[in-house]
């Protein structure tokens, strides 16, 4: 994983939803903040040898007064590498 975040906020909220189909899974996150000053990004990927999946993650946020956040996580089955 690689990333960093810096800032502060008075009010924050976020919502995450996802689905899975045939071993693939996806989660998306959206959020917002008020009375805020922040910036950040986190990203990464890894391969899980125990279950044969590639995992990918990305999240970003930025705000000055009013802010936003968005991100996703994906799991991709790669059984032939297992």
N, C-alpha and C. Protein backbone atom coordinates (compact mmCIF):
# COMPACT_ATOMS: atom_id res chain seq x y z
N UNK A 1 0.83 -1.18 0.00
CA UNK A 1 0.00 0.00 0.00
C UNK A 1 0.87 1.24 0.00
N UNK A 2 0.37 2.27 -0.63
CA UNK A 2 1.07 3.54 -0.74
C UNK A 2 0.06 4.65 -0.52
N UNK A 3 0.42 5.67 0.23
CA UNK A 3 -0.51 6.77 0.39
C UNK A 3 -0.19 7.64 1.57
N UNK A 4 -1.01 8.66 1.72
CA UNK A 4 -0.90 9.57 2.83
C UNK A 4 -2.12 10.47 2.88
N UNK A 5 -2.45 10.93 4.07
CA UNK A 5 -3.60 11.81 4.29
C UNK A 5 -3.21 12.88 5.30
N UNK A 6 -3.75 14.08 5.13
CA UNK A 6 -3.48 15.17 6.05
C UNK A 6 -4.69 16.08 6.09
N UNK A 7 -5.10 16.49 7.29
CA UNK A 7 -6.18 17.45 7.38
C UNK A 7 -7.07 17.27 8.58
N UNK A 8 -8.14 18.05 8.58
CA UNK A 8 -9.11 18.04 9.67
C UNK A 8 -10.48 18.41 9.11
N UNK A 9 -11.53 18.00 9.82
CA UNK A 9 -12.90 18.33 9.42
C UNK A 9 -13.78 18.34 10.64
N UNK A 10 -14.87 19.09 10.56
CA UNK A 10 -15.82 19.16 11.67
C UNK A 10 -16.93 18.12 11.50
N UNK A 11 -17.37 17.89 10.26
CA UNK A 11 -18.45 16.94 9.98
C UNK A 11 -18.03 16.08 8.79
N UNK A 12 -18.24 14.77 8.92
CA UNK A 12 -17.85 13.85 7.85
C UNK A 12 -18.90 12.76 7.70
N UNK A 13 -19.14 12.33 6.47
CA UNK A 13 -20.05 11.21 6.23
C UNK A 13 -19.59 10.45 5.00
N UNK A 14 -19.88 9.14 4.97
CA UNK A 14 -19.54 8.36 3.79
C UNK A 14 -20.48 7.17 3.65
N UNK A 15 -20.57 6.65 2.43
CA UNK A 15 -21.44 5.53 2.12
C UNK A 15 -20.65 4.54 1.25
N UNK A 16 -20.74 3.25 1.58
CA UNK A 16 -20.07 2.20 0.84
C UNK A 16 -21.08 1.15 0.43
N UNK A 17 -21.01 0.72 -0.83
CA UNK A 17 -21.89 -0.33 -1.35
C UNK A 17 -21.05 -1.22 -2.27
N UNK A 18 -21.49 -2.45 -2.46
CA UNK A 18 -20.73 -3.35 -3.30
C UNK A 18 -21.56 -4.51 -3.82
N UNK A 19 -20.92 -5.32 -4.65
CA UNK A 19 -21.57 -6.51 -5.20
C UNK A 19 -20.51 -7.54 -5.57
N UNK A 20 -20.93 -8.77 -5.74
CA UNK A 20 -20.06 -9.86 -6.17
C UNK A 20 -20.75 -10.64 -7.28
N UNK A 21 -19.98 -11.00 -8.30
CA UNK A 21 -20.49 -11.82 -9.40
C UNK A 21 -19.39 -12.78 -9.82
N UNK A 22 -19.65 -14.06 -9.72
CA UNK A 22 -18.72 -15.06 -10.21
C UNK A 22 -17.31 -14.98 -9.65
N UNK A 23 -17.18 -14.65 -8.39
CA UNK A 23 -15.86 -14.54 -7.78
C UNK A 23 -15.26 -13.15 -7.82
N UNK A 24 -15.75 -12.30 -8.72
CA UNK A 24 -15.32 -10.90 -8.76
C UNK A 24 -16.13 -10.13 -7.72
N UNK A 25 -15.48 -9.27 -6.97
CA UNK A 25 -16.23 -8.41 -6.05
C UNK A 25 -15.75 -6.97 -6.21
N UNK A 26 -16.67 -6.04 -5.98
CA UNK A 26 -16.40 -4.61 -6.13
C UNK A 26 -17.10 -3.86 -5.02
N UNK A 27 -16.41 -2.91 -4.41
CA UNK A 27 -17.00 -2.01 -3.43
C UNK A 27 -16.63 -0.59 -3.81
N UNK A 28 -17.59 0.30 -3.80
CA UNK A 28 -17.35 1.70 -4.07
C UNK A 28 -17.72 2.53 -2.85
N UNK A 29 -16.98 3.60 -2.61
CA UNK A 29 -17.22 4.49 -1.48
C UNK A 29 -17.30 5.92 -1.97
N UNK A 30 -18.29 6.66 -1.48
CA UNK A 30 -18.38 8.10 -1.71
C UNK A 30 -18.60 8.78 -0.37
N UNK A 31 -18.11 9.98 -0.25
CA UNK A 31 -18.26 10.67 1.02
C UNK A 31 -18.12 12.17 0.86
N UNK A 32 -18.39 12.86 1.94
CA UNK A 32 -18.28 14.31 1.94
C UNK A 32 -17.94 14.83 3.32
N UNK A 33 -17.51 16.07 3.37
CA UNK A 33 -17.17 16.69 4.64
C UNK A 33 -17.52 18.17 4.59
N UNK A 34 -17.68 18.76 5.77
CA UNK A 34 -17.98 20.19 5.88
C UNK A 34 -17.05 20.81 6.91
N UNK A 35 -16.79 22.08 6.78
CA UNK A 35 -15.84 22.79 7.64
C UNK A 35 -14.53 22.02 7.66
N UNK A 36 -13.98 21.77 6.46
CA UNK A 36 -12.84 20.87 6.35
C UNK A 36 -11.67 21.49 5.59
N UNK A 37 -10.52 20.95 5.85
CA UNK A 37 -9.30 21.23 5.09
C UNK A 37 -8.51 19.93 5.09
N UNK A 38 -8.56 19.20 3.98
CA UNK A 38 -7.89 17.90 3.93
C UNK A 38 -7.53 17.51 2.51
N UNK A 39 -6.56 16.61 2.40
CA UNK A 39 -6.17 16.05 1.11
C UNK A 39 -5.51 14.70 1.36
N UNK A 40 -5.72 13.75 0.47
CA UNK A 40 -5.07 12.47 0.65
C UNK A 40 -5.35 11.49 -0.46
N UNK A 41 -4.52 10.48 -0.53
CA UNK A 41 -4.70 9.39 -1.49
C UNK A 41 -4.09 8.12 -0.89
N UNK A 42 -4.75 7.00 -1.09
CA UNK A 42 -4.25 5.69 -0.70
C UNK A 42 -4.49 4.75 -1.88
N UNK A 43 -3.49 3.94 -2.20
CA UNK A 43 -3.66 2.99 -3.29
C UNK A 43 -2.75 1.80 -3.07
N UNK A 44 -3.12 0.69 -3.68
CA UNK A 44 -2.28 -0.48 -3.58
C UNK A 44 -2.92 -1.69 -4.21
N UNK A 45 -2.15 -2.74 -4.29
CA UNK A 45 -2.65 -4.01 -4.78
C UNK A 45 -1.81 -5.12 -4.17
N UNK A 46 -2.39 -6.29 -4.09
CA UNK A 46 -1.66 -7.46 -3.62
C UNK A 46 -2.28 -8.73 -4.18
N UNK A 47 -1.51 -9.79 -4.17
CA UNK A 47 -2.01 -11.09 -4.61
C UNK A 47 -2.09 -11.98 -3.38
N UNK A 48 -3.26 -12.58 -3.15
CA UNK A 48 -3.48 -13.45 -2.00
C UNK A 48 -3.26 -14.90 -2.45
N UNK A 49 -2.16 -15.49 -2.02
CA UNK A 49 -1.82 -16.86 -2.42
C UNK A 49 -2.80 -17.90 -1.88
N UNK A 50 -3.36 -17.64 -0.70
CA UNK A 50 -4.23 -18.65 -0.09
C UNK A 50 -5.54 -18.85 -0.83
N UNK A 51 -6.08 -17.81 -1.45
CA UNK A 51 -7.35 -17.98 -2.18
C UNK A 51 -7.25 -17.61 -3.67
N UNK A 52 -6.06 -17.26 -4.17
CA UNK A 52 -5.86 -16.99 -5.58
C UNK A 52 -6.58 -15.76 -6.11
N UNK A 53 -6.52 -14.65 -5.36
CA UNK A 53 -7.18 -13.42 -5.81
C UNK A 53 -6.21 -12.25 -5.86
N UNK A 54 -6.45 -11.37 -6.81
CA UNK A 54 -5.75 -10.11 -6.90
C UNK A 54 -6.66 -9.06 -6.28
N UNK A 55 -6.13 -8.28 -5.34
CA UNK A 55 -6.90 -7.26 -4.64
C UNK A 55 -6.34 -5.89 -5.00
N UNK A 56 -7.21 -4.98 -5.42
CA UNK A 56 -6.82 -3.63 -5.84
C UNK A 56 -7.63 -2.62 -5.03
N UNK A 57 -6.96 -1.56 -4.55
CA UNK A 57 -7.61 -0.57 -3.68
C UNK A 57 -7.15 0.83 -4.10
N UNK A 58 -8.09 1.79 -4.15
CA UNK A 58 -7.76 3.19 -4.41
C UNK A 58 -8.78 4.07 -3.71
N UNK A 59 -8.32 5.09 -2.98
CA UNK A 59 -9.18 6.07 -2.33
C UNK A 59 -8.52 7.44 -2.40
N UNK A 60 -9.31 8.46 -2.71
CA UNK A 60 -8.80 9.84 -2.71
C UNK A 60 -9.77 10.73 -1.96
N UNK A 61 -9.25 11.82 -1.40
CA UNK A 61 -10.11 12.81 -0.75
C UNK A 61 -9.47 14.19 -0.85
N UNK A 62 -10.31 15.20 -0.95
CA UNK A 62 -9.83 16.57 -1.00
C UNK A 62 -10.95 17.50 -0.50
N UNK A 63 -10.57 18.50 0.24
CA UNK A 63 -11.59 19.43 0.72
C UNK A 63 -11.00 20.72 1.24
N UNK A 64 -11.69 21.80 0.98
CA UNK A 64 -11.36 23.10 1.54
C UNK A 64 -12.69 23.81 1.76
N UNK A 65 -13.17 23.76 2.98
CA UNK A 65 -14.52 24.24 3.29
C UNK A 65 -15.50 23.08 3.17
N UNK A 66 -15.73 22.65 1.92
CA UNK A 66 -16.55 21.46 1.65
C UNK A 66 -15.65 20.47 0.92
N UNK A 67 -15.72 19.19 1.31
CA UNK A 67 -14.82 18.20 0.73
C UNK A 67 -15.54 16.99 0.18
N UNK A 68 -14.79 16.17 -0.56
CA UNK A 68 -15.34 14.95 -1.13
C UNK A 68 -14.34 13.81 -0.95
N UNK A 69 -14.88 12.60 -1.03
CA UNK A 69 -14.07 11.38 -0.94
C UNK A 69 -14.65 10.37 -1.93
N UNK A 70 -13.79 9.63 -2.62
CA UNK A 70 -14.24 8.58 -3.52
C UNK A 70 -13.19 7.48 -3.53
N UNK A 71 -13.65 6.26 -3.72
CA UNK A 71 -12.71 5.15 -3.76
C UNK A 71 -13.37 3.86 -4.18
N UNK A 72 -12.52 2.83 -4.41
CA UNK A 72 -13.03 1.52 -4.75
C UNK A 72 -12.08 0.43 -4.27
N UNK A 73 -12.61 -0.76 -4.12
CA UNK A 73 -11.85 -1.97 -3.84
C UNK A 73 -12.37 -3.05 -4.76
N UNK A 74 -11.46 -3.76 -5.42
CA UNK A 74 -11.85 -4.86 -6.30
C UNK A 74 -11.09 -6.12 -5.92
N UNK A 75 -11.76 -7.24 -6.02
CA UNK A 75 -11.14 -8.53 -5.85
C UNK A 75 -11.36 -9.33 -7.13
N UNK A 76 -10.28 -9.78 -7.74
CA UNK A 76 -10.35 -10.47 -9.02
C UNK A 76 -9.78 -11.88 -8.84
N UNK A 77 -10.58 -12.92 -9.11
CA UNK A 77 -10.06 -14.28 -8.97
C UNK A 77 -9.08 -14.62 -10.10
N UNK A 78 -7.94 -15.18 -9.72
CA UNK A 78 -6.96 -15.65 -10.71
C UNK A 78 -6.58 -17.08 -10.30
N UNK A 79 -7.47 -18.03 -10.50
CA UNK A 79 -7.25 -19.39 -9.99
C UNK A 79 -6.11 -20.15 -10.66
N UNK A 80 -5.77 -19.82 -11.90
CA UNK A 80 -4.74 -20.58 -12.59
C UNK A 80 -3.34 -20.28 -12.09
N UNK A 81 -3.16 -19.20 -11.30
CA UNK A 81 -1.86 -18.85 -10.72
C UNK A 81 -1.67 -19.53 -9.37
N UNK A 82 -2.72 -19.97 -8.77
CA UNK A 82 -2.74 -20.54 -7.43
C UNK A 82 -1.83 -21.74 -7.29
